[in-house]
Amino acid sequence: MLGSIGLIRFPDVYGRTHAATKSATLGVISIMIATFLFFLFIEGIFVGKILLAILFVFLTAPVAALMVARAAYRTGVPLWEKSTQERFEKNVRKETE
C-alpha cells in the first residue's frame, strides 16, 4: 500500500523507483521471514536456504533499483525541478572518460 502511494505521490522516476523497491523488498523479506519462522517453530526444521534467499533479495533489490535509475539518467529522464542534489552526473562522467 505504501509503495503504491509512493508511486503516485513522488514526482519523478527516481523517487518512484525508490518507493517501489523499498516496498517490494520489505514485502518479500517479510514473507520469507514468516516462512522461515513457520518451519523453525511449527515444523521444527531449520531451513538455511530461506535465510540465503533473504540475503540474496536484501542485496540484489537495491542494486536493481540503482541500475534502473542509472539507465533512466543516461537516457535523459529529467530530475524533479525541486531536487536539491544530482549525484549521478560525476559518476556518469567517470564512466564515459
N, C-alpha and C. Protein backbone atom coordinates (compact mmCIF):
# COMPACT_ATOMS: atom_id res chain seq x y z
N MET A 1 0.83 -1.19 0.00
CA MET A 1 0.00 0.00 0.00
C MET A 1 0.87 1.26 0.00
N LEU A 2 1.89 1.28 0.86
CA LEU A 2 2.76 2.46 0.90
C LEU A 2 3.54 2.62 -0.39
N GLY A 3 3.92 1.50 -1.00
CA GLY A 3 4.63 1.57 -2.27
C GLY A 3 3.77 2.18 -3.36
N SER A 4 2.50 1.83 -3.39
CA SER A 4 1.62 2.40 -4.41
C SER A 4 1.36 3.89 -4.15
N ILE A 5 1.30 4.28 -2.90
CA ILE A 5 1.17 5.71 -2.58
C ILE A 5 2.42 6.46 -3.03
N GLY A 6 3.59 5.85 -2.81
CA GLY A 6 4.83 6.46 -3.26
C GLY A 6 4.90 6.57 -4.77
N LEU A 7 4.39 5.57 -5.48
CA LEU A 7 4.38 5.63 -6.94
C LEU A 7 3.51 6.77 -7.45
N ILE A 8 2.46 7.06 -6.73
CA ILE A 8 1.56 8.14 -7.15
C ILE A 8 2.10 9.51 -6.73
N ARG A 9 2.64 9.61 -5.53
CA ARG A 9 3.00 10.91 -4.98
C ARG A 9 4.37 11.43 -5.40
N PHE A 10 5.33 10.53 -5.60
CA PHE A 10 6.67 11.02 -5.95
C PHE A 10 6.67 11.57 -7.37
N PRO A 11 7.39 12.68 -7.59
CA PRO A 11 7.26 13.40 -8.86
C PRO A 11 8.11 12.88 -10.02
N ASP A 12 9.14 12.11 -9.76
CA ASP A 12 9.99 11.67 -10.87
C ASP A 12 10.27 10.17 -10.78
N VAL A 13 10.90 9.66 -11.82
CA VAL A 13 11.14 8.22 -11.90
C VAL A 13 12.08 7.74 -10.80
N TYR A 14 12.95 8.60 -10.33
CA TYR A 14 13.92 8.20 -9.32
C TYR A 14 13.25 7.95 -7.96
N GLY A 15 12.38 8.83 -7.58
CA GLY A 15 11.62 8.63 -6.33
C GLY A 15 10.67 7.46 -6.42
N ARG A 16 10.06 7.31 -7.57
CA ARG A 16 9.13 6.19 -7.76
C ARG A 16 9.85 4.85 -7.71
N THR A 17 11.04 4.81 -8.29
CA THR A 17 11.84 3.58 -8.21
C THR A 17 12.19 3.26 -6.77
N HIS A 18 12.53 4.29 -6.02
CA HIS A 18 12.85 4.11 -4.60
C HIS A 18 11.66 3.53 -3.84
N ALA A 19 10.49 4.10 -4.05
CA ALA A 19 9.28 3.64 -3.34
C ALA A 19 8.94 2.21 -3.71
N ALA A 20 9.01 1.89 -4.98
CA ALA A 20 8.67 0.53 -5.42
C ALA A 20 9.66 -0.50 -4.89
N THR A 21 10.94 -0.15 -4.89
CA THR A 21 11.95 -1.10 -4.41
C THR A 21 11.84 -1.34 -2.92
N LYS A 22 11.66 -0.29 -2.15
CA LYS A 22 11.57 -0.45 -0.70
C LYS A 22 10.37 -1.30 -0.30
N SER A 23 9.22 -1.03 -0.89
CA SER A 23 8.03 -1.79 -0.51
C SER A 23 8.11 -3.24 -0.98
N ALA A 24 8.64 -3.47 -2.18
CA ALA A 24 8.76 -4.84 -2.67
C ALA A 24 9.76 -5.63 -1.84
N THR A 25 10.87 -5.02 -1.50
CA THR A 25 11.88 -5.70 -0.68
C THR A 25 11.31 -6.03 0.69
N LEU A 26 10.64 -5.09 1.31
CA LEU A 26 10.04 -5.33 2.62
C LEU A 26 9.01 -6.45 2.56
N GLY A 27 8.17 -6.45 1.54
CA GLY A 27 7.15 -7.48 1.41
C GLY A 27 7.73 -8.87 1.20
N VAL A 28 8.68 -8.99 0.29
CA VAL A 28 9.27 -10.30 0.01
C VAL A 28 10.04 -10.82 1.22
N ILE A 29 10.82 -9.96 1.85
CA ILE A 29 11.60 -10.40 3.01
C ILE A 29 10.68 -10.75 4.17
N SER A 30 9.59 -10.03 4.36
CA SER A 30 8.64 -10.37 5.43
C SER A 30 8.02 -11.74 5.22
N ILE A 31 7.65 -12.04 3.99
CA ILE A 31 7.08 -13.36 3.70
C ILE A 31 8.12 -14.45 3.92
N MET A 32 9.35 -14.20 3.51
CA MET A 32 10.41 -15.20 3.70
C MET A 32 10.73 -15.42 5.18
N ILE A 33 10.73 -14.35 5.96
CA ILE A 33 10.97 -14.49 7.40
C ILE A 33 9.83 -15.28 8.04
N ALA A 34 8.59 -14.98 7.64
CA ALA A 34 7.45 -15.73 8.18
C ALA A 34 7.54 -17.20 7.82
N THR A 35 7.96 -17.51 6.59
CA THR A 35 8.13 -18.90 6.18
C THR A 35 9.22 -19.58 6.99
N PHE A 36 10.33 -18.88 7.18
CA PHE A 36 11.43 -19.43 7.98
C PHE A 36 10.97 -19.72 9.40
N LEU A 37 10.26 -18.77 10.01
CA LEU A 37 9.79 -18.96 11.38
C LEU A 37 8.75 -20.07 11.49
N PHE A 38 7.90 -20.22 10.48
CA PHE A 38 6.94 -21.31 10.47
C PHE A 38 7.65 -22.65 10.49
N PHE A 39 8.60 -22.82 9.58
CA PHE A 39 9.31 -24.10 9.53
C PHE A 39 10.13 -24.33 10.79
N LEU A 40 10.69 -23.27 11.36
CA LEU A 40 11.53 -23.43 12.54
C LEU A 40 10.70 -23.79 13.77
N PHE A 41 9.62 -23.07 14.02
CA PHE A 41 8.88 -23.28 15.27
C PHE A 41 7.73 -24.28 15.15
N ILE A 42 7.06 -24.35 14.03
CA ILE A 42 5.93 -25.26 13.89
C ILE A 42 6.39 -26.64 13.43
N GLU A 43 7.22 -26.68 12.42
CA GLU A 43 7.68 -27.95 11.87
C GLU A 43 8.96 -28.45 12.54
N GLY A 44 9.68 -27.57 13.20
CA GLY A 44 10.92 -27.96 13.86
C GLY A 44 12.07 -28.20 12.90
N ILE A 45 12.04 -27.55 11.75
CA ILE A 45 13.08 -27.73 10.73
C ILE A 45 13.78 -26.40 10.50
N PHE A 46 15.11 -26.43 10.53
CA PHE A 46 15.89 -25.24 10.20
C PHE A 46 16.17 -25.25 8.70
N VAL A 47 15.66 -24.25 8.00
CA VAL A 47 15.83 -24.18 6.54
C VAL A 47 16.78 -23.02 6.23
N GLY A 48 18.04 -23.38 6.03
CA GLY A 48 19.06 -22.37 5.74
C GLY A 48 18.91 -21.72 4.38
N LYS A 49 18.27 -22.42 3.45
CA LYS A 49 18.09 -21.87 2.10
C LYS A 49 17.21 -20.62 2.13
N ILE A 50 16.27 -20.59 3.03
CA ILE A 50 15.41 -19.40 3.13
C ILE A 50 16.23 -18.21 3.62
N LEU A 51 17.13 -18.44 4.56
CA LEU A 51 18.00 -17.35 5.01
C LEU A 51 18.89 -16.85 3.88
N LEU A 52 19.38 -17.76 3.06
CA LEU A 52 20.18 -17.35 1.90
C LEU A 52 19.34 -16.56 0.90
N ALA A 53 18.09 -16.97 0.72
CA ALA A 53 17.20 -16.24 -0.18
C ALA A 53 16.92 -14.83 0.34
N ILE A 54 16.75 -14.70 1.65
CA ILE A 54 16.55 -13.38 2.27
C ILE A 54 17.77 -12.50 2.02
N LEU A 55 18.94 -13.05 2.23
CA LEU A 55 20.18 -12.30 1.98
C LEU A 55 20.29 -11.90 0.52
N PHE A 56 19.95 -12.82 -0.38
CA PHE A 56 20.02 -12.55 -1.81
C PHE A 56 19.09 -11.40 -2.20
N VAL A 57 17.86 -11.43 -1.74
CA VAL A 57 16.90 -10.36 -2.06
C VAL A 57 17.35 -9.05 -1.43
N PHE A 58 17.83 -9.11 -0.20
CA PHE A 58 18.28 -7.92 0.50
C PHE A 58 19.44 -7.24 -0.22
N LEU A 59 20.30 -8.03 -0.86
CA LEU A 59 21.45 -7.46 -1.55
C LEU A 59 21.16 -7.07 -3.00
N THR A 60 20.28 -7.79 -3.68
CA THR A 60 20.09 -7.54 -5.11
C THR A 60 19.00 -6.53 -5.44
N ALA A 61 18.00 -6.38 -4.62
CA ALA A 61 16.92 -5.43 -4.93
C ALA A 61 17.41 -3.99 -5.01
N PRO A 62 18.23 -3.51 -4.08
CA PRO A 62 18.74 -2.14 -4.22
C PRO A 62 19.65 -1.97 -5.44
N VAL A 63 20.38 -3.00 -5.79
CA VAL A 63 21.24 -2.92 -6.98
C VAL A 63 20.39 -2.81 -8.24
N ALA A 64 19.30 -3.55 -8.29
CA ALA A 64 18.40 -3.47 -9.44
C ALA A 64 17.79 -2.08 -9.55
N ALA A 65 17.41 -1.50 -8.43
CA ALA A 65 16.85 -0.14 -8.44
C ALA A 65 17.89 0.87 -8.91
N LEU A 66 19.13 0.69 -8.49
CA LEU A 66 20.20 1.57 -8.93
C LEU A 66 20.40 1.47 -10.43
N MET A 67 20.35 0.28 -10.97
CA MET A 67 20.52 0.10 -12.41
C MET A 67 19.38 0.75 -13.20
N VAL A 68 18.16 0.65 -12.70
CA VAL A 68 17.02 1.31 -13.35
C VAL A 68 17.20 2.82 -13.31
N ALA A 69 17.59 3.35 -12.17
CA ALA A 69 17.79 4.80 -12.04
C ALA A 69 18.94 5.27 -12.92
N ARG A 70 20.00 4.50 -12.98
CA ARG A 70 21.14 4.88 -13.82
C ARG A 70 20.75 4.87 -15.30
N ALA A 71 19.99 3.86 -15.71
CA ALA A 71 19.53 3.81 -17.10
C ALA A 71 18.62 4.98 -17.42
N ALA A 72 17.76 5.34 -16.48
CA ALA A 72 16.88 6.49 -16.69
C ALA A 72 17.70 7.77 -16.81
N TYR A 73 18.71 7.92 -15.99
CA TYR A 73 19.54 9.12 -16.04
C TYR A 73 20.31 9.19 -17.35
N ARG A 74 20.86 8.07 -17.77
CA ARG A 74 21.65 8.06 -19.01
C ARG A 74 20.80 8.33 -20.25
N THR A 75 19.54 7.95 -20.21
CA THR A 75 18.68 8.21 -21.37
C THR A 75 18.06 9.60 -21.34
N GLY A 76 18.37 10.37 -20.31
CA GLY A 76 17.95 11.77 -20.28
C GLY A 76 16.65 12.05 -19.55
N VAL A 77 16.20 11.14 -18.72
CA VAL A 77 14.99 11.40 -17.93
C VAL A 77 15.32 12.49 -16.92
N PRO A 78 14.59 13.59 -16.94
CA PRO A 78 14.96 14.72 -16.07
C PRO A 78 14.63 14.46 -14.60
N LEU A 79 15.44 15.09 -13.76
CA LEU A 79 15.16 15.09 -12.33
C LEU A 79 13.99 16.04 -12.06
N TRP A 80 13.38 15.89 -10.92
CA TRP A 80 12.34 16.82 -10.49
C TRP A 80 12.99 18.19 -10.33
N GLU A 81 12.29 19.24 -10.74
CA GLU A 81 12.90 20.58 -10.72
C GLU A 81 13.26 21.05 -9.32
N LYS A 82 12.65 20.49 -8.28
CA LYS A 82 12.97 20.89 -6.91
C LYS A 82 13.97 19.97 -6.24
N SER A 83 14.57 19.06 -6.99
CA SER A 83 15.61 18.20 -6.43
C SER A 83 16.80 19.05 -6.04
N THR A 84 17.39 18.74 -4.92
CA THR A 84 18.49 19.57 -4.43
C THR A 84 19.86 18.99 -4.75
N GLN A 85 19.93 17.72 -5.09
CA GLN A 85 21.22 17.10 -5.37
C GLN A 85 21.15 16.30 -6.65
N GLU A 86 22.25 16.31 -7.37
CA GLU A 86 22.38 15.47 -8.54
C GLU A 86 23.67 14.67 -8.37
N ARG A 87 23.53 13.45 -7.94
CA ARG A 87 24.70 12.64 -7.60
C ARG A 87 25.20 11.79 -8.76
N PHE A 88 24.38 11.58 -9.76
CA PHE A 88 24.77 10.69 -10.85
C PHE A 88 25.75 11.33 -11.83
N GLU A 89 25.71 12.65 -11.96
CA GLU A 89 26.46 13.31 -13.01
C GLU A 89 27.95 13.02 -12.94
N LYS A 90 28.56 13.15 -11.78
CA LYS A 90 30.01 12.91 -11.69
C LYS A 90 30.35 11.44 -11.92
N ASN A 91 29.48 10.52 -11.53
CA ASN A 91 29.74 9.11 -11.77
C ASN A 91 29.61 8.76 -13.24
N VAL A 92 28.65 9.35 -13.92
CA VAL A 92 28.48 9.10 -15.35
C VAL A 92 29.67 9.66 -16.11
N ARG A 93 30.17 10.81 -15.71
CA ARG A 93 31.35 11.38 -16.35
C ARG A 93 32.56 10.46 -16.20
N LYS A 94 32.76 9.89 -15.01
CA LYS A 94 33.88 8.98 -14.79
C LYS A 94 33.79 7.75 -15.68
N GLU A 95 32.58 7.23 -15.86
CA GLU A 95 32.40 6.02 -16.66
C GLU A 95 32.62 6.28 -18.14
N THR A 96 32.31 7.48 -18.61
CA THR A 96 32.45 7.76 -20.03
C THR A 96 33.85 8.21 -20.41
N GLU A 97 34.67 8.58 -19.45
CA GLU A 97 36.04 9.02 -19.74
C GLU A 97 36.96 7.86 -19.96
